[in-house]
Protein backbone atom coordinates (compact mmCIF):
# COMPACT_ATOMS: atom_id res chain seq x y z
CA MET A 1 -1.98 2.78 14.52
CA ARG A 2 0.49 3.89 12.07
CA ALA A 3 -0.21 4.97 8.38
CA ILE A 4 0.87 1.90 6.47
CA GLU A 5 -1.03 -0.03 8.89
CA SER A 6 -4.28 1.63 8.20
CA LEU A 7 -3.69 1.27 4.46
CA LEU A 8 -3.29 -2.18 5.13
CA LEU A 9 -6.46 -3.01 7.50
CA LYS A 10 -8.68 -0.87 4.88
CA ALA A 11 -7.50 -2.86 2.00
CA MET A 12 -8.00 -6.33 3.96
CA VAL A 13 -11.71 -4.95 5.06
CA ALA A 14 -12.26 -4.23 1.30
CA GLU A 15 -11.22 -7.50 -0.10
CA THR A 16 -13.29 -9.40 2.92
CA VAL A 17 -16.61 -7.48 1.78
CA HIS A 18 -15.70 -8.05 -1.88
CA ASP A 19 -15.05 -11.97 -1.30
CA LEU A 20 -18.23 -12.23 0.93
CA ARG A 21 -20.30 -10.46 -2.13
CA GLY A 22 -18.77 -13.06 -4.37
CA THR A 23 -19.37 -16.01 -2.11
CA ALA A 24 -23.15 -14.75 -1.78
CA GLU A 25 -23.16 -14.65 -5.51
CA LEU A 26 -24.88 -10.97 -4.72
CA THR A 27 -24.32 -7.94 -6.91
CA GLY A 28 -23.59 -4.62 -5.77
CA GLN A 29 -27.26 -3.40 -5.65
CA ASP A 30 -28.30 -6.39 -3.91
CA VAL A 31 -25.88 -5.64 -1.09
CA ALA A 32 -26.74 -2.05 -1.01
CA ARG A 33 -30.23 -2.68 -0.85
CA ARG A 34 -30.27 -5.32 1.83
CA ALA A 35 -27.90 -2.89 4.02
CA GLY A 36 -29.76 -0.05 3.40
CA ILE A 37 -26.93 2.08 2.17
CA SER A 38 -26.04 3.39 -1.33
CA GLN A 39 -24.66 1.06 -4.41
CA SER A 40 -21.81 3.95 -4.28
CA LYS A 41 -21.07 3.31 -0.88
CA VAL A 42 -20.69 -0.38 -1.04
CA HIS A 43 -18.61 0.12 -4.08
CA LYS A 44 -16.30 2.44 -2.39
CA ILE A 45 -16.17 0.29 0.63
CA GLU A 46 -14.98 -2.59 -1.90
CA LYS A 47 -12.47 -0.53 -3.24
CA GLY A 48 -10.72 0.58 -0.36
CA THR A 49 -11.64 4.31 -0.90
CA LEU A 50 -14.26 4.87 1.67
CA LEU A 51 -13.37 4.36 5.33
CA PRO A 52 -16.65 2.26 6.50
CA SER A 53 -18.55 3.50 9.57
CA VAL A 54 -19.42 0.88 12.37
CA ASP A 55 -23.01 1.00 11.64
CA ASP A 56 -22.57 0.25 7.97
CA THR A 57 -19.97 -2.49 8.72
CA ARG A 58 -22.58 -4.37 10.63
CA ALA A 59 -25.33 -3.77 7.98
CA LEU A 60 -22.68 -4.85 5.38
CA ALA A 61 -21.80 -8.09 7.31
CA SER A 62 -25.80 -8.78 8.19
CA ALA A 63 -26.42 -8.15 4.30
CA LEU A 64 -23.38 -10.65 3.10
CA ASP A 65 -24.47 -13.22 6.02
CA ALA A 66 -20.99 -13.31 7.43
CA ASN A 67 -20.51 -15.79 10.12
CA GLU A 68 -19.88 -14.60 13.68
CA GLU A 69 -16.17 -14.67 13.68
CA THR A 70 -15.70 -12.69 10.52
CA THR A 71 -18.69 -10.13 11.89
CA HIS A 72 -16.70 -9.79 14.86
CA TRP A 73 -13.42 -9.26 13.15
CA LEU A 74 -15.09 -6.68 10.54
CA LEU A 75 -16.27 -4.36 13.28
CA ASN A 76 -13.11 -4.54 15.35
CA CYS A 77 -11.39 -3.43 12.18
CA ALA A 78 -14.01 -0.53 11.28
CA THR A 79 -13.54 0.67 15.19
CA ARG A 80 -9.95 0.74 15.03
CA LEU A 81 -9.86 2.41 11.40
CA GLN A 82 -12.43 5.01 12.82
CA GLN A 83 -10.65 5.83 16.02
CA ASP A 84 -7.40 5.92 14.23
CA ALA A 85 -9.01 8.58 11.77
CA ALA A 86 -10.46 10.94 14.88
CA ARG A 87 -6.62 10.65 16.32
CA THR A 88 -5.70 11.62 12.96
CA ARG A 89 -8.08 14.64 12.41
CA GLY A 90 -7.10 15.84 16.22
CA ASN A 91 -3.40 15.92 15.75
CA ASN A 92 -3.24 17.18 12.21
CA HIS A 93 -0.62 14.40 11.57
CA VAL A 94 -2.30 13.62 8.16
CA LEU A 95 -4.68 16.54 6.41
CA LEU A 96 -6.84 15.50 3.59
CA HIS A 97 -7.55 18.39 1.32
CA ARG A 98 -10.65 18.09 -1.07
CA GLY A 99 -10.60 20.61 -3.84
CA SER A 100 -7.54 21.86 -5.94
CA HIS A 101 -6.32 25.40 -5.63
CA PRO A 102 -5.05 26.04 -2.11
CA ILE A 103 -3.45 22.70 -1.21
CA HIS A 104 -1.81 22.14 -4.83
CA ASP A 105 -0.41 26.02 -4.41
CA GLU A 106 1.15 24.67 -1.16
CA ILE A 107 2.47 21.65 -2.53
CA ARG A 108 3.99 23.64 -5.18
CA ARG A 109 5.62 25.84 -2.99
CA THR A 110 6.83 23.14 -0.62
CA GLN A 111 8.31 21.34 -4.10
CA GLY A 112 10.04 24.46 -4.69
CA ALA A 113 11.70 24.62 -1.34
CA ALA A 114 12.50 21.11 -1.15
CA ILE A 115 16.20 20.12 -1.64
CA THR A 116 15.52 16.52 -2.13
CA THR A 117 12.56 15.21 -4.24
CA ARG A 118 11.52 11.48 -4.28
CA ALA A 119 8.48 9.89 -5.86
CA VAL A 120 7.02 6.26 -6.40
CA ALA A 121 4.75 5.82 -9.26
CA ALA A 122 2.79 2.62 -10.34
CA LEU A 123 0.68 3.29 -13.00
CA THR A 124 1.66 6.37 -14.78
CA VAL A 125 5.12 8.67 -15.20
CA PRO A 126 5.70 11.07 -12.30
CA LEU A 127 4.37 14.59 -12.76
CA LEU A 128 7.62 16.15 -13.13
CA LEU A 129 9.18 13.72 -15.97
CA ARG A 130 6.11 13.81 -18.09
CA THR A 131 6.08 15.39 -21.51
CA VAL A 132 3.13 17.98 -22.30
CA ASP A 133 1.26 15.56 -24.61
CA TYR A 134 1.75 12.74 -21.97
CA GLN A 135 0.02 15.07 -19.35
CA LEU A 136 -2.60 16.12 -21.29
CA ALA A 137 -3.76 12.51 -22.30
CA ALA A 138 -3.28 11.35 -18.83
CA MET A 139 -5.45 14.04 -17.28
CA GLY A 140 -7.95 13.81 -20.20
CA ILE A 141 -7.59 17.61 -21.03
CA THR A 142 -8.52 18.98 -24.18
CA GLY A 143 -9.20 22.78 -25.50
CA HIS A 144 -9.16 25.90 -23.76
CA TYR A 145 -7.79 24.29 -20.49
CA SER A 146 -4.90 22.75 -22.38
CA ARG A 147 -2.78 25.90 -22.39
CA ILE A 148 -3.42 26.44 -18.67
CA ALA A 149 -2.56 22.98 -18.10
CA THR A 150 0.79 22.93 -20.25
CA ASP A 151 1.81 26.37 -18.46
CA LEU A 152 1.42 24.62 -14.91
CA LEU A 153 3.30 21.88 -15.92
CA ARG A 154 6.52 23.61 -17.53
CA HIS A 155 6.36 25.87 -14.26
CA GLN A 156 6.46 23.01 -11.83
CA GLN A 157 9.22 21.29 -14.17
CA HIS A 158 11.73 24.27 -14.00
CA VAL A 159 12.80 22.79 -10.55
CA LEU A 160 14.86 19.93 -12.19
CA ALA A 161 17.21 22.26 -14.14
CA ASP A 162 18.40 23.65 -10.40
CA GLN A 163 21.40 21.55 -9.77
CA ASP A 164 21.44 22.66 -6.04
CA LYS A 165 18.01 20.08 -6.00
CA HIS A 166 18.32 16.35 -6.01
CA PHE A 167 15.42 14.08 -7.42
CA GLY A 168 14.69 10.39 -6.92
CA PHE A 169 12.11 8.37 -9.35
CA VAL A 170 11.20 5.00 -8.98
CA VAL A 171 8.71 3.90 -11.47
CA HIS A 172 7.32 0.11 -12.20
CA GLU A 173 7.35 -0.78 -15.52
CA SER A 174 3.80 -1.45 -15.89
CA ALA A 175 3.71 2.37 -16.17
CA LEU A 176 5.95 2.21 -19.28
CA ASN A 177 4.09 -0.44 -20.84
CA ALA A 178 0.78 1.31 -20.40
CA THR A 179 -0.47 3.29 -23.56
CA ILE A 180 -1.26 6.79 -22.35
CA GLY A 181 -2.78 8.85 -25.22
CA SER A 182 -1.21 6.90 -28.20
CA HIS A 183 1.76 4.96 -28.67
CA ALA A 184 3.49 7.62 -30.19
CA ILE A 185 2.80 10.02 -27.31
CA THR A 186 3.95 7.02 -24.61
CA ALA A 187 6.92 6.56 -27.02
CA ALA A 188 8.01 10.03 -26.72
CA GLN A 189 7.56 10.14 -23.19
CA ILE A 190 10.23 7.29 -22.64
CA ASP A 191 12.29 9.28 -25.04
CA ARG A 192 12.05 12.14 -22.20
CA LEU A 193 12.67 9.33 -19.49
CA ARG A 194 15.89 8.63 -21.32
CA VAL A 195 17.19 12.08 -21.43
CA LEU A 196 16.48 12.92 -17.97
CA ALA A 197 17.99 9.72 -16.58
CA GLN A 198 21.46 11.21 -17.64
CA HIS A 199 20.97 14.39 -15.52
CA PRO A 200 23.30 14.40 -12.58
CA ASN A 201 20.48 15.70 -10.13
CA ILE A 202 18.23 12.83 -11.23
CA ASP A 203 18.00 9.18 -9.85
CA LEU A 204 15.67 7.32 -12.18
CA ALA A 205 15.07 3.78 -11.56
CA VAL A 206 12.49 1.27 -12.75
CA VAL A 207 10.98 -1.68 -11.30
CA PRO A 208 11.42 -4.29 -13.63
CA ALA A 209 8.40 -6.61 -14.45
CA PRO A 210 7.85 -9.29 -13.15
CA THR A 211 9.19 -8.64 -9.75
CA THR A 212 7.76 -10.13 -6.77
CA ILE A 213 6.69 -7.45 -4.40
CA THR A 214 3.69 -6.82 -2.12
CA ALA A 215 0.98 -5.06 -3.55
CA ALA A 216 1.05 -2.50 -0.58
CA LEU A 217 4.26 -1.48 -2.05
CA VAL A 218 2.95 -0.39 -5.47
CA ASP A 219 -0.83 0.03 -5.35
CA PHE A 220 -0.56 3.83 -4.62
CA ALA A 221 1.80 6.64 -5.60
CA PHE A 222 3.39 8.97 -3.17
CA THR A 223 6.04 12.08 -3.22
CA LEU A 224 8.36 12.88 -0.61
CA HIS A 225 9.41 16.34 -0.27
CA SER A 226 12.57 17.32 2.16
CA THR A 227 12.73 20.86 3.02
CA PRO A 228 15.39 22.66 5.46
CA THR A 229 13.91 24.32 8.41
CA PHE A 230 16.06 26.94 9.87
CA CYS A 231 15.98 26.99 13.93
CA PHE A 232 18.07 30.10 14.48
CA PRO A 233 21.06 31.82 12.30
CA GLY A 234 23.45 29.42 11.27
CA SER A 235 21.36 26.39 12.16
CA SER A 236 18.96 24.11 10.12
CA SER A 237 17.38 20.96 9.85
CA VAL A 238 15.57 19.09 7.26
CA ARG A 239 11.80 18.06 7.63
CA THR A 240 10.16 15.70 5.21
CA SER A 241 6.44 14.78 4.27
CA ALA A 242 4.74 12.67 2.27
CA VAL A 243 2.06 13.61 -0.34
CA LEU A 244 -0.45 11.08 -1.53
CA GLU A 245 -3.25 11.69 -4.32
CA THR A 246 -6.35 9.68 -3.24
CA MET A 247 -10.00 9.26 -4.87
CA THR A 248 -11.23 11.87 -2.86
CA GLY A 249 -8.76 14.54 -2.15
CA THR A 250 -5.01 15.12 -1.75
CA ALA A 251 -3.47 13.74 1.55
CA ARG A 252 -0.26 15.03 3.37
CA ILE A 253 1.60 12.70 5.91
CA LEU A 254 3.61 15.11 8.55
CA ASN A 255 3.67 12.86 11.33
CA PRO A 256 7.64 11.85 11.49
CA GLU A 257 7.00 8.15 12.42
CA ASP A 258 4.82 7.81 9.38
CA VAL A 259 6.62 9.48 7.24
CA GLN A 260 9.44 7.27 7.84
CA GLU A 261 7.29 4.46 6.59
CA TYR A 262 7.19 5.91 3.24
CA GLU A 263 11.01 6.53 3.29
CA GLU A 264 11.32 2.90 3.93
CA ILE A 265 8.96 2.02 1.26
CA TYR A 266 10.78 4.15 -1.20
CA ALA A 267 14.30 2.65 0.08
CA ARG A 268 12.97 -1.03 -0.40
CA LEU A 269 11.64 -0.25 -4.31
CA ARG A 270 14.82 1.69 -5.07
CA SER A 271 16.68 -1.35 -3.76
CA ILE A 272 15.06 -3.70 -6.41
CA ALA A 273 14.67 -1.11 -9.25
CA VAL A 274 17.09 -1.10 -12.07
CA ALA A 275 19.11 1.98 -13.23
CA GLY A 276 22.27 2.97 -15.39
CA ASN A 277 22.62 0.62 -18.46
CA GLU A 278 20.14 -1.51 -17.25
CA LEU A 279 17.51 1.03 -17.32
CA ILE A 280 18.53 2.34 -20.38
CA SER A 281 18.06 -1.30 -22.02
CA LEU A 282 14.77 -1.47 -20.46
CA LEU A 283 13.67 1.91 -21.73
CA ASP A 284 14.88 1.16 -25.30
CA ARG A 285 12.80 -2.11 -25.41
CA ALA A 286 9.90 -0.13 -23.99
CA HIS A 287 10.11 2.60 -26.92
CA ALA A 288 10.37 -0.06 -29.41
CA THR A 289 7.42 -1.97 -28.34
CA HIS A 290 5.36 1.23 -28.50
CA LEU A 291 6.59 2.17 -31.87
CA ASP A 292 6.21 -1.28 -33.28
CA ARG A 293 2.41 -1.16 -32.11
CA GLY A 294 1.84 2.40 -33.28
CA VAL A 295 2.38 1.47 -37.24
CA GLU A 296 -0.84 0.82 -38.88
CA PRO A 297 -1.02 -2.91 -39.98
């Protein structure tokens, strides 16, 4: 099963469990007690951040009084998802890393070596485009760690000055409308986007709201890194990988077939996003809105 199919199937299972609980008029605590599992696990399954085991799925179906057809469907989905996860662990096509330093160091190396970087962001501005204040507010960082986070951000953003590298960013307008830290911080962030949009090696585009697109296209953020791979002297090819930040770690997608799906998602979103003069007008409106809302009455 492909990566996108797995994501969609897990989302369908999560939505079904949530709807069944609503129909039964049960709280998460009620379901957890009936199913004999933790309330935290029930919550994560409903949010789609935890892959349910077949046994947990069977217990949930029973606790939620699911009919025979729904129970069979849920068990079939859980079985398929678990089998897919087992294959993934076996072939290293998807690597989930928990913890921060080793994987993030490796991602920074990949980012530094990449000749093309493309990112999709739904709820916040992509990391490479952030101001320091926006980054600190988004991460909730204060005190001693502020300096460390600031130095790290500036180090990562050095790649933007390399004119031999190309960057593409697709951001949903909701990321511009959201207030991160304060209206003043967000307005300054939009100012930075306006400046970066003029850089010749940066393609910045925004998907305007409202735009009719499926939730699967905007419910998660990802970055594509294309790096040269040298086979022998005088010959090279380009390998692309995808990086996703999840609730439990950082996932790297390496399977070319799966990566292609993320590339297609990026292309689809880019085709409906606005750039150029339309983008500048949109940024100006968002900037003015935050300035207006930031004025004390």
